């Protein structure tokens, strides 16, 4: 509307006009948000349908329990000792405020316990 028309309106008419404009704006925003919500819901459903596991026939029960997986034995013990030494020195440095105490690894042996 033109500025001269608004000045010719009474206060009640201006208030009603502002109310209508506010209501139209709120309805427009609500409609846009509804459309956005619907689009996101459709995308979610499409993605869930695309990532759904394929239905397969049930497998026959195994006759025996599967064999446990055993990690291969490391071949280079020097690398293991170096990694352990580095971890110990970092731990000791954290405990001593960043100062690394002098130490050396004299020997090591493998434990026969659980290696999980």
PDB file of N, CA and C in Angstrom:
ATOM      1  N   UNK A   1       0.833  -1.175   0.000  1.00  0.00           N
ATOM      2  CA  UNK A   1       0.000   0.000   0.000  1.00  0.00           C
ATOM      3  C   UNK A   1       0.879   1.241   0.000  1.00  0.00           C
ATOM      4  N   UNK A   2       0.289   2.282  -0.454  1.00  0.00           N
ATOM      5  CA  UNK A   2       0.978   3.567  -0.526  1.00  0.00           C
ATOM      6  C   UNK A   2       0.958   4.234   0.844  1.00  0.00           C
ATOM      7  N   UNK A   3       1.975   5.018   1.140  1.00  0.00           N
ATOM      8  CA  UNK A   3       2.051   5.711   2.422  1.00  0.00           C
ATOM      9  C   UNK A   3       0.882   6.657   2.653  1.00  0.00           C
ATOM     10  N   UNK A   4       0.367   7.274   1.588  1.00  0.00           N
ATOM     11  CA  UNK A   4      -0.740   8.219   1.764  1.00  0.00           C
ATOM     12  C   UNK A   4      -2.027   7.485   2.106  1.00  0.00           C
ATOM     13  N   UNK A   5      -2.166   6.279   1.646  1.00  0.00           N
ATOM     14  CA  UNK A   5      -3.375   5.513   1.973  1.00  0.00           C
ATOM     15  C   UNK A   5      -3.348   5.115   3.440  1.00  0.00           C
ATOM     16  N   UNK A   6      -2.150   4.725   3.948  1.00  0.00           N
ATOM     17  CA  UNK A   6      -2.051   4.352   5.357  1.00  0.00           C
ATOM     18  C   UNK A   6      -2.338   5.536   6.270  1.00  0.00           C
ATOM     19  N   UNK A   7      -1.925   6.712   5.848  1.00  0.00           N
ATOM     20  CA  UNK A   7      -2.191   7.880   6.691  1.00  0.00           C
ATOM     21  C   UNK A   7      -3.670   8.258   6.674  1.00  0.00           C
ATOM     22  N   UNK A   8      -4.351   7.877   5.615  1.00  0.00           N
ATOM     23  CA  UNK A   8      -5.784   8.187   5.533  1.00  0.00           C
ATOM     24  C   UNK A   8      -6.609   7.187   6.337  1.00  0.00           C
ATOM     25  N   UNK A   9      -6.014   6.046   6.747  1.00  0.00           N
ATOM     26  CA  UNK A   9      -6.753   5.025   7.505  1.00  0.00           C
ATOM     27  C   UNK A   9      -6.812   5.414   8.977  1.00  0.00           C
ATOM     28  N   UNK A  10      -7.848   4.941   9.622  1.00  0.00           N
ATOM     29  CA  UNK A  10      -7.958   5.183  11.057  1.00  0.00           C
ATOM     30  C   UNK A  10      -7.017   4.231  11.798  1.00  0.00           C
ATOM     31  N   UNK A  11      -6.831   4.464  13.086  1.00  0.00           N
ATOM     32  CA  UNK A  11      -5.922   3.631  13.876  1.00  0.00           C
ATOM     33  C   UNK A  11      -6.398   2.185  13.916  1.00  0.00           C
ATOM     34  N   UNK A  12      -7.708   1.986  14.028  1.00  0.00           N
ATOM     35  CA  UNK A  12      -8.271   0.629  14.054  1.00  0.00           C
ATOM     36  C   UNK A  12      -8.041  -0.095  12.736  1.00  0.00           C
ATOM     37  N   UNK A  13      -8.207   0.641  11.606  1.00  0.00           N
ATOM     38  CA  UNK A  13      -7.969   0.026  10.302  1.00  0.00           C
ATOM     39  C   UNK A  13      -6.496  -0.338  10.131  1.00  0.00           C
ATOM     40  N   UNK A  14      -5.603   0.541  10.606  1.00  0.00           N
ATOM     41  CA  UNK A  14      -4.161   0.233  10.525  1.00  0.00           C
ATOM     42  C   UNK A  14      -3.812  -0.987  11.374  1.00  0.00           C
ATOM     43  N   UNK A  15      -4.412  -1.102  12.521  1.00  0.00           N
ATOM     44  CA  UNK A  15      -4.175  -2.232  13.399  1.00  0.00           C
ATOM     45  C   UNK A  15      -4.685  -3.522  12.757  1.00  0.00           C
ATOM     46  N   UNK A  16      -5.846  -3.471  12.123  1.00  0.00           N
ATOM     47  CA  UNK A  16      -6.391  -4.647  11.435  1.00  0.00           C
ATOM     48  C   UNK A  16      -5.503  -5.035  10.256  1.00  0.00           C
ATOM     49  N   UNK A  17      -5.012  -4.029   9.522  1.00  0.00           N
ATOM     50  CA  UNK A  17      -4.110  -4.286   8.387  1.00  0.00           C
ATOM     51  C   UNK A  17      -2.817  -4.951   8.874  1.00  0.00           C
ATOM     52  N   UNK A  18      -2.259  -4.466   9.968  1.00  0.00           N
ATOM     53  CA  UNK A  18      -1.033  -5.055  10.517  1.00  0.00           C
ATOM     54  C   UNK A  18      -1.291  -6.484  10.987  1.00  0.00           C
ATOM     55  N   UNK A  19      -2.447  -6.731  11.560  1.00  0.00           N
ATOM     56  CA  UNK A  19      -2.797  -8.087  11.998  1.00  0.00           C
ATOM     57  C   UNK A  19      -2.906  -9.042  10.828  1.00  0.00           C
ATOM     58  N   UNK A  20      -3.537  -8.576   9.741  1.00  0.00           N
ATOM     59  CA  UNK A  20      -3.656  -9.427   8.552  1.00  0.00           C
ATOM     60  C   UNK A  20      -2.291  -9.742   7.961  1.00  0.00           C
ATOM     61  N   UNK A  21      -1.428  -8.723   7.881  1.00  0.00           N
ATOM     62  CA  UNK A  21      -0.085  -8.939   7.327  1.00  0.00           C
ATOM     63  C   UNK A  21       0.727  -9.913   8.208  1.00  0.00           C
ATOM     64  N   UNK A  22       0.584  -9.779   9.516  1.00  0.00           N
ATOM     65  CA  UNK A  22       1.274 -10.689  10.433  1.00  0.00           C
ATOM     66  C   UNK A  22       0.757 -12.104  10.252  1.00  0.00           C
ATOM     67  N   UNK A  23      -0.544 -12.260  10.147  1.00  0.00           N
ATOM     68  CA  UNK A  23      -1.142 -13.582   9.966  1.00  0.00           C
ATOM     69  C   UNK A  23      -0.713 -14.194   8.639  1.00  0.00           C
ATOM     70  N   UNK A  24      -0.694 -13.420   7.577  1.00  0.00           N
ATOM     71  CA  UNK A  24      -0.259 -13.936   6.267  1.00  0.00           C
ATOM     72  C   UNK A  24       1.215 -14.354   6.330  1.00  0.00           C
ATOM     73  N   UNK A  25       2.044 -13.547   6.988  1.00  0.00           N
ATOM     74  CA  UNK A  25       3.453 -13.901   7.125  1.00  0.00           C
ATOM     75  C   UNK A  25       3.649 -15.180   7.918  1.00  0.00           C
ATOM     76  N   UNK A  26       2.917 -15.326   9.020  1.00  0.00           N
ATOM     77  CA  UNK A  26       3.037 -16.533   9.836  1.00  0.00           C
ATOM     78  C   UNK A  26       2.556 -17.761   9.075  1.00  0.00           C
ATOM     79  N   UNK A  27       1.477 -17.619   8.303  1.00  0.00           N
ATOM     80  CA  UNK A  27       0.982 -18.754   7.522  1.00  0.00           C
ATOM     81  C   UNK A  27       1.983 -19.142   6.439  1.00  0.00           C
ATOM     82  N   UNK A  28       2.627 -18.162   5.835  1.00  0.00           N
ATOM     83  CA  UNK A  28       3.624 -18.445   4.802  1.00  0.00           C
ATOM     84  C   UNK A  28       4.799 -19.212   5.392  1.00  0.00           C
ATOM     85  N   UNK A  29       5.301 -18.760   6.540  1.00  0.00           N
ATOM     86  CA  UNK A  29       6.412 -19.440   7.200  1.00  0.00           C
ATOM     87  C   UNK A  29       6.015 -20.854   7.601  1.00  0.00           C
ATOM     88  N   UNK A  30       4.819 -21.019   8.165  1.00  0.00           N
ATOM     89  CA  UNK A  30       4.340 -22.338   8.565  1.00  0.00           C
ATOM     90  C   UNK A  30       4.236 -23.268   7.363  1.00  0.00           C
ATOM     91  N   UNK A  31       3.741 -22.766   6.244  1.00  0.00           N
ATOM     92  CA  UNK A  31       3.628 -23.592   5.041  1.00  0.00           C
ATOM     93  C   UNK A  31       5.007 -24.000   4.527  1.00  0.00           C
ATOM     94  N   UNK A  32       5.961 -23.063   4.527  1.00  0.00           N
ATOM     95  CA  UNK A  32       7.315 -23.388   4.066  1.00  0.00           C
ATOM     96  C   UNK A  32       7.970 -24.419   4.983  1.00  0.00           C
ATOM     97  N   UNK A  33       7.810 -24.280   6.285  1.00  0.00           N
ATOM     98  CA  UNK A  33       8.377 -25.253   7.218  1.00  0.00           C
ATOM     99  C   UNK A  33       7.720 -26.620   7.068  1.00  0.00           C
ATOM    100  N   UNK A  34       6.416 -26.642   6.790  1.00  0.00           N
ATOM    101  CA  UNK A  34       5.720 -27.915   6.577  1.00  0.00           C
ATOM    102  C   UNK A  34       6.253 -28.624   5.339  1.00  0.00           C
ATOM    103  N   UNK A  35       6.469 -27.863   4.278  1.00  0.00           N
ATOM    104  CA  UNK A  35       7.015 -28.459   3.047  1.00  0.00           C
ATOM    105  C   UNK A  35       8.427 -28.979   3.293  1.00  0.00           C
ATOM    106  N   UNK A  36       9.230 -28.232   4.022  1.00  0.00           N
ATOM    107  CA  UNK A  36      10.589 -28.663   4.347  1.00  0.00           C
ATOM    108  C   UNK A  36      10.568 -29.928   5.196  1.00  0.00           C
ATOM    109  N   UNK A  37       9.685 -29.982   6.190  1.00  0.00           N
ATOM    110  CA  UNK A  37       9.564 -31.166   7.037  1.00  0.00           C
ATOM    111  C   UNK A  37       9.152 -32.384   6.205  1.00  0.00           C
ATOM    112  N   UNK A  38       8.217 -32.209   5.308  1.00  0.00           N
ATOM    113  CA  UNK A  38       7.767 -33.303   4.456  1.00  0.00           C
ATOM    114  C   UNK A  38       8.909 -33.807   3.570  1.00  0.00           C
ATOM    115  N   UNK A  39       9.678 -32.898   2.992  1.00  0.00           N
ATOM    116  CA  UNK A  39      10.800 -33.302   2.141  1.00  0.00           C
ATOM    117  C   UNK A  39      11.840 -34.072   2.945  1.00  0.00           C
ATOM    118  N   UNK A  40      12.157 -33.610   4.144  1.00  0.00           N
ATOM    119  CA  UNK A  40      13.134 -34.320   4.977  1.00  0.00           C
ATOM    120  C   UNK A  40      12.622 -35.689   5.400  1.00  0.00           C
ATOM    121  N   UNK A  41      11.336 -35.800   5.689  1.00  0.00           N
ATOM    122  CA  UNK A  41      10.766 -37.101   6.051  1.00  0.00           C
ATOM    123  C   UNK A  41      10.840 -38.063   4.871  1.00  0.00           C
ATOM    124  N   UNK A  42      10.582 -37.566   3.673  1.00  0.00           N
ATOM    125  CA  UNK A  42      10.674 -38.427   2.487  1.00  0.00           C
ATOM    126  C   UNK A  42      12.111 -38.861   2.218  1.00  0.00           C
ATOM    127  N   UNK A  43      13.075 -37.938   2.380  1.00  0.00           N
ATOM    128  CA  UNK A  43      14.483 -38.303   2.205  1.00  0.00           C
ATOM    129  C   UNK A  43      14.906 -39.348   3.223  1.00  0.00           C
ATOM    130  N   UNK A  44      14.467 -39.176   4.463  1.00  0.00           N
ATOM    131  CA  UNK A  44      14.825 -40.133   5.509  1.00  0.00           C
ATOM    132  C   UNK A  44      14.280 -41.510   5.175  1.00  0.00           C
ATOM    133  N   UNK A  45      13.044 -41.567   4.737  1.00  0.00           N
ATOM    134  CA  UNK A  45      12.453 -42.851   4.384  1.00  0.00           C
ATOM    135  C   UNK A  45      13.175 -43.497   3.204  1.00  0.00           C
ATOM    136  N   UNK A  46      13.554 -42.682   2.230  1.00  0.00           N
ATOM    137  CA  UNK A  46      14.270 -43.223   1.069  1.00  0.00           C
ATOM    138  C   UNK A  46      15.643 -43.745   1.477  1.00  0.00           C
ATOM    139  N   UNK A  47      16.329 -43.024   2.370  1.00  0.00           N
ATOM    140  CA  UNK A  47      17.645 -43.483   2.818  1.00  0.00           C
ATOM    141  C   UNK A  47      17.548 -44.735   3.671  1.00  0.00           C
ATOM    142  N   UNK A  48      16.532 -44.818   4.519  1.00  0.00           N
ATOM    143  CA  UNK A  48      16.350 -46.023   5.328  1.00  0.00           C
ATOM    144  C   UNK A  48      16.035 -47.216   4.446  1.00  0.00           C
ATOM    145  N   UNK A  49      15.268 -47.002   3.418  1.00  0.00           N
ATOM    146  CA  UNK A  49      14.927 -48.095   2.522  1.00  0.00           C
ATOM    147  C   UNK A  49      16.149 -48.540   1.726  1.00  0.00           C
ATOM    148  N   UNK A  50      17.015 -47.605   1.357  1.00  0.00           N
ATOM    149  CA  UNK A  50      18.217 -47.954   0.604  1.00  0.00           C
ATOM    150  C   UNK A  50      19.262 -48.640   1.458  1.00  0.00           C
ATOM    151  N   UNK A  51      19.297 -48.347   2.776  1.00  0.00           N
ATOM    152  CA  UNK A  51      20.286 -48.948   3.661  1.00  0.00           C
ATOM    153  C   UNK A  51      19.769 -50.175   4.394  1.00  0.00           C
ATOM    154  N   UNK A  52      18.542 -50.577   4.128  1.00  0.00           N
ATOM    155  CA  UNK A  52      17.973 -51.729   4.818  1.00  0.00           C
ATOM    156  C   UNK A  52      18.728 -52.992   4.412  1.00  0.00           C
ATOM    157  N   UNK A  53      18.988 -53.891   5.377  1.00  0.00           N
ATOM    158  CA  UNK A  53      19.674 -55.132   5.035  1.00  0.00           C
ATOM    159  C   UNK A  53      18.794 -55.996   4.149  1.00  0.00           C
ATOM    160  N   UNK A  54      19.431 -56.665   3.235  1.00  0.00           N
ATOM    161  CA  UNK A  54      18.705 -57.544   2.320  1.00  0.00           C
ATOM    162  C   UNK A  54      18.199 -58.751   3.087  1.00  0.00           C
ATOM    163  N   UNK A  55      16.961 -59.123   2.819  1.00  0.00           N
ATOM    164  CA  UNK A  55      16.427 -60.318   3.468  1.00  0.00           C
ATOM    165  C   UNK A  55      16.997 -61.535   2.773  1.00  0.00           C
ATOM    166  N   UNK A  56      17.506 -62.429   3.572  1.00  0.00           N
ATOM    167  CA  UNK A  56      18.063 -63.649   3.010  1.00  0.00           C
ATOM    168  C   UNK A  56      17.441 -64.833   3.715  1.00  0.00           C
ATOM    169  N   UNK A  57      17.604 -65.986   3.107  1.00  0.00           N
ATOM    170  CA  UNK A  57      17.064 -67.201   3.696  1.00  0.00           C
ATOM    171  C   UNK A  57      17.846 -67.500   4.969  1.00  0.00           C
ATOM    172  N   UNK A  58      17.175 -68.001   5.991  1.00  0.00           N
ATOM    173  CA  UNK A  58      17.898 -68.320   7.218  1.00  0.00           C
ATOM    174  C   UNK A  58      18.915 -69.427   6.958  1.00  0.00           C
ATOM    175  N   UNK A  59      20.097 -69.236   7.519  1.00  0.00           N
ATOM    176  CA  UNK A  59      21.160 -70.209   7.323  1.00  0.00           C
ATOM    177  C   UNK A  59      20.914 -71.419   8.209  1.00  0.00           C
ATOM    178  N   UNK A  60      21.351 -72.562   7.725  1.00  0.00           N
ATOM    179  CA  UNK A  60      21.227 -73.784   8.504  1.00  0.00           C
ATOM    180  C   UNK A  60      22.184 -73.702   9.685  1.00  0.00           C
ATOM    181  N   UNK A  61      21.794 -74.218  10.842  1.00  0.00           N
ATOM    182  CA  UNK A  61      22.691 -74.156  11.988  1.00  0.00           C
ATOM    183  C   UNK A  61      23.961 -74.951  11.725  1.00  0.00           C
ATOM    184  N   UNK A  62      25.066 -74.417  12.224  1.00  0.00           N
ATOM    185  CA  UNK A  62      26.352 -75.073  12.010  1.00  0.00           C
ATOM    186  C   UNK A  62      26.438 -76.327  12.866  1.00  0.00           C
ATOM    187  N   UNK A  63      27.143 -77.311  12.361  1.00  0.00           N
ATOM    188  CA  UNK A  63      27.284 -78.575  13.071  1.00  0.00           C
ATOM    189  C   UNK A  63      28.191 -78.416  14.287  1.00  0.00           C
ATOM    190  N   UNK A  64      29.198 -77.567  14.179  1.00  0.00           N
ATOM    191  CA  UNK A  64      30.103 -77.363  15.312  1.00  0.00           C
ATOM    192  C   UNK A  64      30.367 -75.877  15.477  1.00  0.00           C
ATOM    193  N   UNK A  65      30.897 -75.515  16.626  1.00  0.00           N
ATOM    194  CA  UNK A  65      31.204 -74.120  16.892  1.00  0.00           C
ATOM    195  C   UNK A  65      32.358 -73.665  16.018  1.00  0.00           C
ATOM    196  N   UNK A  66      32.354 -72.415  15.578  1.00  0.00           N
ATOM    197  CA  UNK A  66      33.460 -71.949  14.734  1.00  0.00           C
ATOM    198  C   UNK A  66      34.757 -71.885  15.538  1.00  0.00           C
ATOM    199  N   UNK A  67      35.845 -72.066  14.831  1.00  0.00           N
ATOM    200  CA  UNK A  67      37.156 -72.030  15.478  1.00  0.00           C
ATOM    201  C   UNK A  67      37.475 -70.597  15.885  1.00  0.00           C
ATOM    202  N   UNK A  68      38.118 -70.399  17.040  1.00  0.00           N
ATOM    203  CA  UNK A  68      38.460 -69.035  17.459  1.00  0.00           C
ATOM    204  C   UNK A  68      39.496 -68.427  16.531  1.00  0.00           C
ATOM    205  N   UNK A  69      39.400 -67.114  16.384  1.00  0.00           N
ATOM    206  CA  UNK A  69      40.333 -66.399  15.532  1.00  0.00           C
ATOM    207  C   UNK A  69      41.597 -66.131  16.337  1.00  0.00           C
ATOM    208  N   UNK A  70      42.734 -66.529  15.800  1.00  0.00           N
ATOM    209  CA  UNK A  70      43.996 -66.349  16.486  1.00  0.00           C
ATOM    210  C   UNK A  70      44.834 -65.365  15.682  1.00  0.00           C
ATOM    211  N   UNK A  71      45.319 -64.328  16.360  1.00  0.00           N
ATOM    212  CA  UNK A  71      46.150 -63.335  15.681  1.00  0.00           C
ATOM    213  C   UNK A  71      47.517 -63.945  15.387  1.00  0.00           C
ATOM    214  N   UNK A  72      48.073 -63.598  14.240  1.00  0.00           N
ATOM    215  CA  UNK A  72      49.399 -64.144  13.927  1.00  0.00           C
ATOM    216  C   UNK A  72      50.446 -63.600  14.888  1.00  0.00           C
ATOM    217  N   UNK A  73      51.427 -64.423  15.202  1.00  0.00           N
ATOM    218  CA  UNK A  73      52.485 -64.013  16.124  1.00  0.00           C
ATOM    219  C   UNK A  73      53.355 -62.963  15.449  1.00  0.00           C
ATOM    220  N   UNK A  74      53.730 -61.900  16.173  1.00  0.00           N
ATOM    221  CA  UNK A  74      54.590 -60.889  15.576  1.00  0.00           C
ATOM    222  C   UNK A  74      55.961 -61.480  15.260  1.00  0.00           C
ATOM    223  N   UNK A  75      56.546 -61.002  14.194  1.00  0.00           N
ATOM    224  CA  UNK A  75      57.819 -61.558  13.758  1.00  0.00           C
ATOM    225  C   UNK A  75      58.996 -60.723  14.202  1.00  0.00           C
ATOM    226  N   UNK A  76      58.785 -59.441  14.493  1.00  0.00           N
ATOM    227  CA  UNK A  76      59.892 -58.580  14.854  1.00  0.00           C
ATOM    228  C   UNK A  76      59.707 -58.092  16.284  1.00  0.00           C
ATOM    229  N   UNK A  77      60.409 -58.728  17.235  1.00  0.00           N
ATOM    230  CA  UNK A  77      60.261 -58.353  18.641  1.00  0.00           C
ATOM    231  C   UNK A  77      60.869 -57.000  18.939  1.00  0.00           C
ATOM    232  N   UNK A  78      61.847 -56.576  18.163  1.00  0.00           N
ATOM    233  CA  UNK A  78      62.467 -55.272  18.385  1.00  0.00           C
ATOM    234  C   UNK A  78      61.476 -54.128  18.235  1.00  0.00           C
ATOM    235  N   UNK A  79      60.555 -54.236  17.286  1.00  0.00           N
ATOM    236  CA  UNK A  79      59.538 -53.200  17.096  1.00  0.00           C
ATOM    237  C   UNK A  79      58.582 -53.157  18.277  1.00  0.00           C
ATOM    238  N   UNK A  80      58.261 -54.325  18.811  1.00  0.00           N
ATOM    239  CA  UNK A  80      57.359 -54.380  19.961  1.00  0.00           C
ATOM    240  C   UNK A  80      58.025 -53.735  21.170  1.00  0.00           C
ATOM    241  N   UNK A  81      59.298 -54.063  21.398  1.00  0.00           N
ATOM    242  CA  UNK A  81      60.022 -53.484  22.527  1.00  0.00           C
ATOM    243  C   UNK A  81      60.117 -51.974  22.376  1.00  0.00           C
ATOM    244  N   UNK A  82      60.358 -51.488  21.170  1.00  0.00           N
ATOM    245  CA  UNK A  82      60.443 -50.044  20.943  1.00  0.00           C
ATOM    246  C   UNK A  82      59.104 -49.368  21.223  1.00  0.00           C
ATOM    247  N   UNK A  83      58.015 -49.986  20.823  1.00  0.00           N
ATOM    248  CA  UNK A  83      56.690 -49.404  21.063  1.00  0.00           C
ATOM    249  C   UNK A  83      56.376 -49.380  22.551  1.00  0.00           C
ATOM    250  N   UNK A  84      56.703 -50.456  23.255  1.00  0.00           N
ATOM    251  CA  UNK A  84      56.440 -50.503  24.693  1.00  0.00           C
ATOM    252  C   UNK A  84      57.310 -49.477  25.417  1.00  0.00           C
ATOM    253  N   UNK A  85      58.571 -49.361  25.023  1.00  0.00           N
ATOM    254  CA  UNK A  85      59.477 -48.400  25.643  1.00  0.00           C
ATOM    255  C   UNK A  85      58.975 -46.971  25.435  1.00  0.00           C
ATOM    256  N   UNK A  86      58.502 -46.665  24.243  1.00  0.00           N
ATOM    257  CA  UNK A  86      57.973 -45.328  23.964  1.00  0.00           C
ATOM    258  C   UNK A  86      56.732 -45.047  24.805  1.00  0.00           C
ATOM    259  N   UNK A  87      55.860 -46.049  24.954  1.00  0.00           N
ATOM    260  CA  UNK A  87      54.651 -45.861  25.754  1.00  0.00           C
ATOM    261  C   UNK A  87      54.999 -45.629  27.218  1.00  0.00           C
ATOM    262  N   UNK A  88      55.965 -46.391  27.742  1.00  0.00           N
ATOM    263  CA  UNK A  88      56.362 -46.227  29.142  1.00  0.00           C
ATOM    264  C   UNK A  88      56.996 -44.857  29.362  1.00  0.00           C
ATOM    265  N   UNK A  89      57.846 -44.421  28.415  1.00  0.00           N
ATOM    266  CA  UNK A  89      58.502 -43.122  28.593  1.00  0.00           C
ATOM    267  C   UNK A  89      57.484 -41.975  28.535  1.00  0.00           C
ATOM    268  N   UNK A  90      56.481 -42.087  27.687  1.00  0.00           N
ATOM    269  CA  UNK A  90      55.434 -41.057  27.649  1.00  0.00           C
ATOM    270  C   UNK A  90      54.631 -41.034  28.944  1.00  0.00           C
ATOM    271  N   UNK A  91      54.329 -42.210  29.484  1.00  0.00           N
ATOM    272  CA  UNK A  91      53.580 -42.284  30.726  1.00  0.00           C
ATOM    273  C   UNK A  91      54.393 -41.673  31.869  1.00  0.00           C
ATOM    274  N   UNK A  92      55.677 -42.007  31.936  1.00  0.00           N
ATOM    275  CA  UNK A  92      56.519 -41.460  33.002  1.00  0.00           C
ATOM    276  C   UNK A  92      56.713 -39.957  32.843  1.00  0.00           C
ATOM    277  N   UNK A  93      56.788 -39.477  31.607  1.00  0.00           N
ATOM    278  CA  UNK A  93      56.926 -38.038  31.376  1.00  0.00           C
ATOM    279  C   UNK A  93      55.679 -37.303  31.853  1.00  0.00           C
ATOM    280  N   UNK A  94      54.501 -37.878  31.630  1.00  0.00           N
ATOM    281  CA  UNK A  94      53.258 -37.253  32.108  1.00  0.00           C
ATOM    282  C   UNK A  94      53.228 -37.201  33.629  1.00  0.00           C
ATOM    283  N   UNK A  95      53.723 -38.247  34.278  1.00  0.00           N
ATOM    284  CA  UNK A  95      53.712 -38.291  35.742  1.00  0.00           C
ATOM    285  C   UNK A  95      54.729 -37.330  36.351  1.00  0.00           C
ATOM    286  N   UNK A  96      55.833 -37.068  35.642  1.00  0.00           N
ATOM    287  CA  UNK A  96      56.906 -36.231  36.183  1.00  0.00           C
ATOM    288  C   UNK A  96      56.883 -34.819  35.621  1.00  0.00           C
ATOM    289  N   UNK A  97      55.775 -34.365  35.171  1.00  0.00           N
ATOM    290  CA  UNK A  97      55.654 -32.990  34.691  1.00  0.00           C
ATOM    291  C   UNK A  97      56.421 -32.725  33.409  1.00  0.00           C
ATOM    292  N   UNK A  98      56.528 -33.703  32.527  1.00  0.00           N
ATOM    293  CA  UNK A  98      57.186 -33.509  31.243  1.00  0.00           C
ATOM    294  C   UNK A  98      58.647 -33.915  31.227  1.00  0.00           C
ATOM    295  N   UNK A  99      59.211 -34.211  32.409  1.00  0.00           N
ATOM    296  CA  UNK A  99      60.617 -34.631  32.468  1.00  0.00           C
ATOM    297  C   UNK A  99      60.665 -36.148  32.380  1.00  0.00           C
ATOM    298  N   UNK A 100      61.399 -36.664  31.382  1.00  0.00           N
ATOM    299  CA  UNK A 100      61.495 -38.108  31.173  1.00  0.00           C
ATOM    300  C   UNK A 100      62.657 -38.651  31.998  1.00  0.00           C
ATOM    301  N   UNK A 101      62.369 -39.559  32.939  1.00  0.00           N
ATOM    302  CA  UNK A 101      63.461 -40.142  33.719  1.00  0.00           C
ATOM    303  C   UNK A 101      64.267 -41.129  32.866  1.00  0.00           C
ATOM    304  N   UNK A 102      65.512 -41.343  33.237  1.00  0.00           N
ATOM    305  CA  UNK A 102      66.355 -42.288  32.519  1.00  0.00           C
ATOM    306  C   UNK A 102      65.998 -43.708  32.941  1.00  0.00           C
ATOM    307  N   UNK A 103      65.791 -44.555  32.000  1.00  0.00           N
ATOM    308  CA  UNK A 103      65.568 -45.973  32.249  1.00  0.00           C
ATOM    309  C   UNK A 103      65.933 -46.728  30.980  1.00  0.00           C
ATOM    310  N   UNK A 104      66.098 -48.042  31.137  1.00  0.00           N
ATOM    311  CA  UNK A 104      66.360 -48.872  29.964  1.00  0.00           C
ATOM    312  C   UNK A 104      65.690 -50.210  30.169  1.00  0.00           C
ATOM    313  N   UNK A 105      65.296 -50.819  29.082  1.00  0.00           N
ATOM    314  CA  UNK A 105      64.661 -52.127  29.115  1.00  0.00           C
ATOM    315  C   UNK A 105      65.766 -53.163  29.115  1.00  0.00           C
ATOM    316  N   UNK A 106      65.824 -53.969  30.155  1.00  0.00           N
ATOM    317  CA  UNK A 106      66.880 -54.972  30.285  1.00  0.00           C
ATOM    318  C   UNK A 106      66.437 -56.280  29.646  1.00  0.00           C
ATOM    319  N   UNK A 107      65.205 -56.691  29.901  1.00  0.00           N
ATOM    320  CA  UNK A 107      64.722 -57.938  29.307  1.00  0.00           C
ATOM    321  C   UNK A 107      63.203 -57.879  29.225  1.00  0.00           C
ATOM    322  N   UNK A 108      62.668 -58.779  28.494  1.00  0.00           N
ATOM    323  CA  UNK A 108      61.230 -58.913  28.404  1.00  0.00           C
ATOM    324  C   UNK A 108      60.915 -60.362  28.106  1.00  0.00           C
ATOM    325  N   UNK A 109      59.737 -60.789  28.458  1.00  0.00           N
ATOM    326  CA  UNK A 109      59.291 -62.145  28.128  1.00  0.00           C
ATOM    327  C   UNK A 109      57.789 -62.109  27.912  1.00  0.00           C
ATOM    328  N   UNK A 110      57.322 -63.009  27.119  1.00  0.00           N
ATOM    329  CA  UNK A 110      55.899 -63.085  26.812  1.00  0.00           C
ATOM    330  C   UNK A 110      55.164 -63.777  27.947  1.00  0.00           C
ATOM    331  N   UNK A 111      53.971 -63.287  28.215  1.00  0.00           N
ATOM    332  CA  UNK A 111      53.137 -63.966  29.213  1.00  0.00           C
ATOM    333  C   UNK A 111      52.354 -65.048  28.511  1.00  0.00           C
ATOM    334  N   UNK A 112      51.983 -66.058  29.250  1.00  0.00           N
ATOM    335  CA  UNK A 112      51.214 -67.153  28.676  1.00  0.00           C
ATOM    336  C   UNK A 112      49.731 -67.007  29.013  1.00  0.00           C
ATOM    337  N   UNK A 113      49.369 -65.875  29.527  1.00  0.00           N
ATOM    338  CA  UNK A 113      47.988 -65.650  29.928  1.00  0.00           C
ATOM    339  C   UNK A 113      47.112 -65.323  28.733  1.00  0.00           C
ATOM    340  N   UNK A 114      45.970 -64.780  29.021  1.00  0.00           N
ATOM    341  CA  UNK A 114      45.004 -64.419  27.996  1.00  0.00           C
ATOM    342  C   UNK A 114      45.562 -63.233  27.198  1.00  0.00           C
ATOM    343  N   UNK A 115      45.628 -63.352  25.882  1.00  0.00           N
ATOM    344  CA  UNK A 115      46.237 -62.324  25.026  1.00  0.00           C
ATOM    345  C   UNK A 115      45.190 -61.559  24.252  1.00  0.00           C
ATOM    346  N   UNK A 116      43.998 -61.421  24.777  1.00  0.00           N
ATOM    347  CA  UNK A 116      42.944 -60.703  24.052  1.00  0.00           C
ATOM    348  C   UNK A 116      43.216 -59.248  24.031  1.00  0.00           C
TER     349      UNK A 116
END
